[in-house]
Amino acid sequence: RGGHPGTRVRPIHYTVRKGDSLDRISRRFKVRVNDVCRWNGLAKHDYLQPGQRLKLYVDVTRQAEG
């Protein structure tokens, strides 16, 4: 769905760690909090539990740059 030519988006499963937040995870993987919520059926104010698994669609081309 859109994106730049050569963009490689991969679905990954991320296991929430103690101290993680939606904001921290979204910054780490360069995705938007709104997207993480949508992909996982969460609300922005939901608390994450350690061990909870999130599905993230990560642009691996951008990850390599950072």
PDB file of N, CA and C in Angstrom:
ATOM      1  N   ARG A   1       0.840  -1.199   0.000  1.00  0.00           N
ATOM      2  CA  ARG A   1       0.000   0.000   0.000  1.00  0.00           C
ATOM      3  C   ARG A   1       0.868   1.239   0.000  1.00  0.00           C
ATOM      4  N   GLY A   2       1.188   1.755  -1.140  1.00  0.00           N
ATOM      5  CA  GLY A   2       1.974   2.981  -1.201  1.00  0.00           C
ATOM      6  C   GLY A   2       3.402   2.725  -0.800  1.00  0.00           C
ATOM      7  N   GLY A   3       4.026   3.743  -0.224  1.00  0.00           N
ATOM      8  CA  GLY A   3       5.432   3.629   0.131  1.00  0.00           C
ATOM      9  C   GLY A   3       6.297   3.973  -1.065  1.00  0.00           C
ATOM     10  N   HIS A   4       7.580   4.040  -0.816  1.00  0.00           N
ATOM     11  CA  HIS A   4       8.515   4.390  -1.881  1.00  0.00           C
ATOM     12  C   HIS A   4       8.930   3.137  -2.629  1.00  0.00           C
ATOM     13  N   PRO A   5       9.321   3.289  -3.895  1.00  0.00           N
ATOM     14  CA  PRO A   5       9.856   2.132  -4.615  1.00  0.00           C
ATOM     15  C   PRO A   5      11.068   1.597  -3.865  1.00  0.00           C
ATOM     16  N   GLY A   6      11.195   0.293  -3.776  1.00  0.00           N
ATOM     17  CA  GLY A   6      12.333  -0.284  -3.073  1.00  0.00           C
ATOM     18  C   GLY A   6      12.111  -0.405  -1.571  1.00  0.00           C
ATOM     19  N   THR A   7      10.965   0.029  -1.097  1.00  0.00           N
ATOM     20  CA  THR A   7      10.661  -0.099   0.319  1.00  0.00           C
ATOM     21  C   THR A   7      10.369  -1.558   0.637  1.00  0.00           C
ATOM     22  N   ARG A   8      10.987  -2.059   1.687  1.00  0.00           N
ATOM     23  CA  ARG A   8      10.728  -3.432   2.098  1.00  0.00           C
ATOM     24  C   ARG A   8      10.109  -3.417   3.493  1.00  0.00           C
ATOM     25  N   VAL A   9       8.817  -3.646   3.541  1.00  0.00           N
ATOM     26  CA  VAL A   9       8.122  -3.687   4.825  1.00  0.00           C
ATOM     27  C   VAL A   9       7.946  -5.140   5.226  1.00  0.00           C
ATOM     28  N   ARG A  10       8.375  -5.452   6.426  1.00  0.00           N
ATOM     29  CA  ARG A  10       8.272  -6.815   6.939  1.00  0.00           C
ATOM     30  C   ARG A  10       7.419  -6.820   8.198  1.00  0.00           C
ATOM     31  N   PRO A  11       6.523  -7.798   8.316  1.00  0.00           N
ATOM     32  CA  PRO A  11       5.827  -7.956   9.590  1.00  0.00           C
ATOM     33  C   PRO A  11       6.780  -8.618  10.583  1.00  0.00           C
ATOM     34  N   ILE A  12       6.893  -8.053  11.751  1.00  0.00           N
ATOM     35  CA  ILE A  12       7.715  -8.666  12.786  1.00  0.00           C
ATOM     36  C   ILE A  12       6.876  -8.788  14.046  1.00  0.00           C
ATOM     37  N   HIS A  13       7.268  -9.706  14.903  1.00  0.00           N
ATOM     38  CA  HIS A  13       6.622  -9.831  16.203  1.00  0.00           C
ATOM     39  C   HIS A  13       7.595  -9.326  17.252  1.00  0.00           C
ATOM     40  N   TYR A  14       7.133  -8.386  18.024  1.00  0.00           N
ATOM     41  CA  TYR A  14       7.958  -7.795  19.073  1.00  0.00           C
ATOM     42  C   TYR A  14       7.375  -8.176  20.424  1.00  0.00           C
ATOM     43  N   THR A  15       8.218  -8.667  21.309  1.00  0.00           N
ATOM     44  CA  THR A  15       7.769  -8.998  22.652  1.00  0.00           C
ATOM     45  C   THR A  15       8.057  -7.815  23.572  1.00  0.00           C
ATOM     46  N   VAL A  16       7.018  -7.332  24.211  1.00  0.00           N
ATOM     47  CA  VAL A  16       7.119  -6.163  25.085  1.00  0.00           C
ATOM     48  C   VAL A  16       8.003  -6.503  26.292  1.00  0.00           C
ATOM     49  N   ARG A  17       8.893  -5.566  26.611  1.00  0.00           N
ATOM     50  CA  ARG A  17       9.757  -5.717  27.779  1.00  0.00           C
ATOM     51  C   ARG A  17       9.322  -4.752  28.865  1.00  0.00           C
ATOM     52  N   LYS A  18       9.772  -5.027  30.055  1.00  0.00           N
ATOM     53  CA  LYS A  18       9.465  -4.157  31.194  1.00  0.00           C
ATOM     54  C   LYS A  18       9.917  -2.741  30.878  1.00  0.00           C
ATOM     55  N   GLY A  19       9.055  -1.773  31.098  1.00  0.00           N
ATOM     56  CA  GLY A  19       9.408  -0.376  30.849  1.00  0.00           C
ATOM     57  C   GLY A  19       9.073   0.116  29.444  1.00  0.00           C
ATOM     58  N   ASP A  20       8.668  -0.796  28.564  1.00  0.00           N
ATOM     59  CA  ASP A  20       8.308  -0.379  27.207  1.00  0.00           C
ATOM     60  C   ASP A  20       6.992   0.393  27.205  1.00  0.00           C
ATOM     61  N   SER A  21       6.862   1.280  26.249  1.00  0.00           N
ATOM     62  CA  SER A  21       5.597   1.978  26.026  1.00  0.00           C
ATOM     63  C   SER A  21       5.362   2.010  24.522  1.00  0.00           C
ATOM     64  N   LEU A  22       4.129   2.316  24.138  1.00  0.00           N
ATOM     65  CA  LEU A  22       3.831   2.442  22.710  1.00  0.00           C
ATOM     66  C   LEU A  22       4.743   3.480  22.068  1.00  0.00           C
ATOM     67  N   ASP A  23       4.962   4.578  22.778  1.00  0.00           N
ATOM     68  CA  ASP A  23       5.802   5.647  22.248  1.00  0.00           C
ATOM     69  C   ASP A  23       7.241   5.168  22.032  1.00  0.00           C
ATOM     70  N   ARG A  24       7.778   4.486  23.024  1.00  0.00           N
ATOM     71  CA  ARG A  24       9.167   4.018  22.938  1.00  0.00           C
ATOM     72  C   ARG A  24       9.325   3.003  21.805  1.00  0.00           C
ATOM     73  N   ILE A  25       8.378   2.080  21.703  1.00  0.00           N
ATOM     74  CA  ILE A  25       8.445   1.053  20.654  1.00  0.00           C
ATOM     75  C   ILE A  25       8.313   1.693  19.272  1.00  0.00           C
ATOM     76  N   SER A  26       7.393   2.648  19.144  1.00  0.00           N
ATOM     77  CA  SER A  26       7.195   3.272  17.833  1.00  0.00           C
ATOM     78  C   SER A  26       8.433   4.053  17.408  1.00  0.00           C
ATOM     79  N   ARG A  27       9.105   4.707  18.364  1.00  0.00           N
ATOM     80  CA  ARG A  27      10.349   5.417  18.022  1.00  0.00           C
ATOM     81  C   ARG A  27      11.453   4.445  17.636  1.00  0.00           C
ATOM     82  N   ARG A  28      11.543   3.339  18.365  1.00  0.00           N
ATOM     83  CA  ARG A  28      12.602   2.367  18.099  1.00  0.00           C
ATOM     84  C   ARG A  28      12.485   1.799  16.691  1.00  0.00           C
ATOM     85  N   PHE A  29      11.252   1.536  16.258  1.00  0.00           N
ATOM     86  CA  PHE A  29      11.056   0.898  14.956  1.00  0.00           C
ATOM     87  C   PHE A  29      10.644   1.881  13.867  1.00  0.00           C
ATOM     88  N   LYS A  30      10.641   3.171  14.198  1.00  0.00           N
ATOM     89  CA  LYS A  30      10.332   4.225  13.229  1.00  0.00           C
ATOM     90  C   LYS A  30       8.947   4.020  12.603  1.00  0.00           C
ATOM     91  N   VAL A  31       7.971   3.731  13.466  1.00  0.00           N
ATOM     92  CA  VAL A  31       6.584   3.620  13.019  1.00  0.00           C
ATOM     93  C   VAL A  31       5.749   4.555  13.881  1.00  0.00           C
ATOM     94  N   ARG A  32       4.490   4.778  13.481  1.00  0.00           N
ATOM     95  CA  ARG A  32       3.635   5.694  14.233  1.00  0.00           C
ATOM     96  C   ARG A  32       2.845   4.940  15.293  1.00  0.00           C
ATOM     97  N   VAL A  33       2.661   5.586  16.446  1.00  0.00           N
ATOM     98  CA  VAL A  33       1.877   4.994  17.527  1.00  0.00           C
ATOM     99  C   VAL A  33       0.496   4.591  17.007  1.00  0.00           C
ATOM    100  N   ASN A  34      -0.120   5.465  16.195  1.00  0.00           N
ATOM    101  CA  ASN A  34      -1.449   5.163  15.651  1.00  0.00           C
ATOM    102  C   ASN A  34      -1.446   3.856  14.862  1.00  0.00           C
ATOM    103  N   ASP A  35      -0.362   3.630  14.113  1.00  0.00           N
ATOM    104  CA  ASP A  35      -0.279   2.402  13.316  1.00  0.00           C
ATOM    105  C   ASP A  35      -0.138   1.182  14.222  1.00  0.00           C
ATOM    106  N   VAL A  36       0.724   1.274  15.232  1.00  0.00           N
ATOM    107  CA  VAL A  36       0.907   0.157  16.158  1.00  0.00           C
ATOM    108  C   VAL A  36      -0.435  -0.206  16.808  1.00  0.00           C
ATOM    109  N   CYS A  37      -1.186   0.814  17.195  1.00  0.00           N
ATOM    110  CA  CYS A  37      -2.504   0.590  17.795  1.00  0.00           C
ATOM    111  C   CYS A  37      -3.432  -0.117  16.812  1.00  0.00           C
ATOM    112  N   ARG A  38      -3.435   0.363  15.574  1.00  0.00           N
ATOM    113  CA  ARG A  38      -4.329  -0.197  14.562  1.00  0.00           C
ATOM    114  C   ARG A  38      -3.973  -1.658  14.251  1.00  0.00           C
ATOM    115  N   TRP A  39      -2.675  -1.933  14.112  1.00  0.00           N
ATOM    116  CA  TRP A  39      -2.240  -3.286  13.779  1.00  0.00           C
ATOM    117  C   TRP A  39      -2.566  -4.277  14.886  1.00  0.00           C
ATOM    118  N   ASN A  40      -2.670  -3.787  16.134  1.00  0.00           N
ATOM    119  CA  ASN A  40      -2.822  -4.684  17.275  1.00  0.00           C
ATOM    120  C   ASN A  40      -4.138  -4.514  18.023  1.00  0.00           C
ATOM    121  N   GLY A  41      -5.024  -3.669  17.496  1.00  0.00           N
ATOM    122  CA  GLY A  41      -6.310  -3.476  18.141  1.00  0.00           C
ATOM    123  C   GLY A  41      -6.199  -2.850  19.525  1.00  0.00           C
ATOM    124  N   LEU A  42      -5.255  -1.939  19.670  1.00  0.00           N
ATOM    125  CA  LEU A  42      -5.025  -1.282  20.953  1.00  0.00           C
ATOM    126  C   LEU A  42      -5.555   0.136  20.922  1.00  0.00           C
ATOM    127  N   ALA A  43      -5.746   0.708  22.103  1.00  0.00           N
ATOM    128  CA  ALA A  43      -6.013   2.139  22.227  1.00  0.00           C
ATOM    129  C   ALA A  43      -4.724   2.806  22.699  1.00  0.00           C
ATOM    130  N   LYS A  44      -4.575   4.091  22.371  1.00  0.00           N
ATOM    131  CA  LYS A  44      -3.338   4.800  22.710  1.00  0.00           C
ATOM    132  C   LYS A  44      -3.000   4.757  24.192  1.00  0.00           C
ATOM    133  N   HIS A  45      -4.040   4.738  25.025  1.00  0.00           N
ATOM    134  CA  HIS A  45      -3.786   4.794  26.463  1.00  0.00           C
ATOM    135  C   HIS A  45      -3.664   3.406  27.102  1.00  0.00           C
ATOM    136  N   ASP A  46      -3.723   2.355  26.271  1.00  0.00           N
ATOM    137  CA  ASP A  46      -3.569   1.005  26.822  1.00  0.00           C
ATOM    138  C   ASP A  46      -2.162   0.834  27.395  1.00  0.00           C
ATOM    139  N   TYR A  47      -2.097   0.148  28.531  1.00  0.00           N
ATOM    140  CA  TYR A  47      -0.788  -0.197  29.085  1.00  0.00           C
ATOM    141  C   TYR A  47      -0.329  -1.500  28.455  1.00  0.00           C
ATOM    142  N   LEU A  48       0.961  -1.576  28.193  1.00  0.00           N
ATOM    143  CA  LEU A  48       1.533  -2.798  27.642  1.00  0.00           C
ATOM    144  C   LEU A  48       2.026  -3.661  28.793  1.00  0.00           C
ATOM    145  N   GLN A  49       1.850  -4.952  28.644  1.00  0.00           N
ATOM    146  CA  GLN A  49       2.312  -5.902  29.657  1.00  0.00           C
ATOM    147  C   GLN A  49       3.600  -6.559  29.171  1.00  0.00           C
ATOM    148  N   PRO A  50       4.612  -6.672  30.052  1.00  0.00           N
ATOM    149  CA  PRO A  50       5.807  -7.428  29.657  1.00  0.00           C
ATOM    150  C   PRO A  50       5.410  -8.825  29.181  1.00  0.00           C
ATOM    151  N   GLY A  51       6.001  -9.252  28.078  1.00  0.00           N
ATOM    152  CA  GLY A  51       5.667 -10.557  27.517  1.00  0.00           C
ATOM    153  C   GLY A  51       4.573 -10.494  26.460  1.00  0.00           C
ATOM    154  N   GLN A  52       3.843  -9.365  26.407  1.00  0.00           N
ATOM    155  CA  GLN A  52       2.814  -9.180  25.377  1.00  0.00           C
ATOM    156  C   GLN A  52       3.485  -9.123  24.014  1.00  0.00           C
ATOM    157  N   ARG A  53       2.856  -9.747  23.014  1.00  0.00           N
ATOM    158  CA  ARG A  53       3.439  -9.734  21.673  1.00  0.00           C
ATOM    159  C   ARG A  53       2.687  -8.753  20.782  1.00  0.00           C
ATOM    160  N   LEU A  54       3.456  -7.919  20.111  1.00  0.00           N
ATOM    161  CA  LEU A  54       2.889  -6.943  19.193  1.00  0.00           C
ATOM    162  C   LEU A  54       3.321  -7.288  17.783  1.00  0.00           C
ATOM    163  N   LYS A  55       2.422  -7.070  16.838  1.00  0.00           N
ATOM    164  CA  LYS A  55       2.770  -7.215  15.425  1.00  0.00           C
ATOM    165  C   LYS A  55       3.098  -5.824  14.900  1.00  0.00           C
ATOM    166  N   LEU A  56       4.254  -5.701  14.272  1.00  0.00           N
ATOM    167  CA  LEU A  56       4.699  -4.422  13.724  1.00  0.00           C
ATOM    168  C   LEU A  56       5.049  -4.629  12.261  1.00  0.00           C
ATOM    169  N   TYR A  57       4.679  -3.667  11.445  1.00  0.00           N
ATOM    170  CA  TYR A  57       5.068  -3.703  10.033  1.00  0.00           C
ATOM    171  C   TYR A  57       6.192  -2.694   9.864  1.00  0.00           C
ATOM    172  N   VAL A  58       7.404  -3.211   9.771  1.00  0.00           N
ATOM    173  CA  VAL A  58       8.607  -2.393   9.840  1.00  0.00           C
ATOM    174  C   VAL A  58       9.225  -2.248   8.455  1.00  0.00           C
ATOM    175  N   ASP A  59       9.575  -1.019   8.141  1.00  0.00           N
ATOM    176  CA  ASP A  59      10.288  -0.718   6.894  1.00  0.00           C
ATOM    177  C   ASP A  59      11.755  -1.070   7.120  1.00  0.00           C
ATOM    178  N   VAL A  60      12.178  -2.219   6.615  1.00  0.00           N
ATOM    179  CA  VAL A  60      13.543  -2.671   6.900  1.00  0.00           C
ATOM    180  C   VAL A  60      14.592  -1.854   6.162  1.00  0.00           C
ATOM    181  N   THR A  61      14.204  -1.165   5.102  1.00  0.00           N
ATOM    182  CA  THR A  61      15.165  -0.302   4.417  1.00  0.00           C
ATOM    183  C   THR A  61      15.514   0.886   5.300  1.00  0.00           C
ATOM    184  N   ARG A  62      14.527   1.436   6.000  1.00  0.00           N
ATOM    185  CA  ARG A  62      14.796   2.560   6.900  1.00  0.00           C
ATOM    186  C   ARG A  62      15.549   2.120   8.145  1.00  0.00           C
ATOM    187  N   GLN A  63      15.272   0.906   8.640  1.00  0.00           N
ATOM    188  CA  GLN A  63      15.956   0.410   9.827  1.00  0.00           C
ATOM    189  C   GLN A  63      17.469   0.351   9.577  1.00  0.00           C
ATOM    190  N   ALA A  64      17.843  -0.081   8.394  1.00  0.00           N
ATOM    191  CA  ALA A  64      19.258  -0.239   8.082  1.00  0.00           C
ATOM    192  C   ALA A  64      19.993   1.091   8.137  1.00  0.00           C
ATOM    193  N   GLU A  65      19.297   2.179   7.819  1.00  0.00           N
ATOM    194  CA  GLU A  65      19.947   3.492   7.818  1.00  0.00           C
ATOM    195  C   GLU A  65      20.253   3.975   9.226  1.00  0.00           C
ATOM    196  N   GLY A  66      19.343   3.680  10.168  1.00  0.00           N
ATOM    197  CA  GLY A  66      19.500   4.181  11.514  1.00  0.00           C
ATOM    198  C   GLY A  66      20.550   3.416  12.229  1.00  0.00           C
TER     199      GLY A  66
END
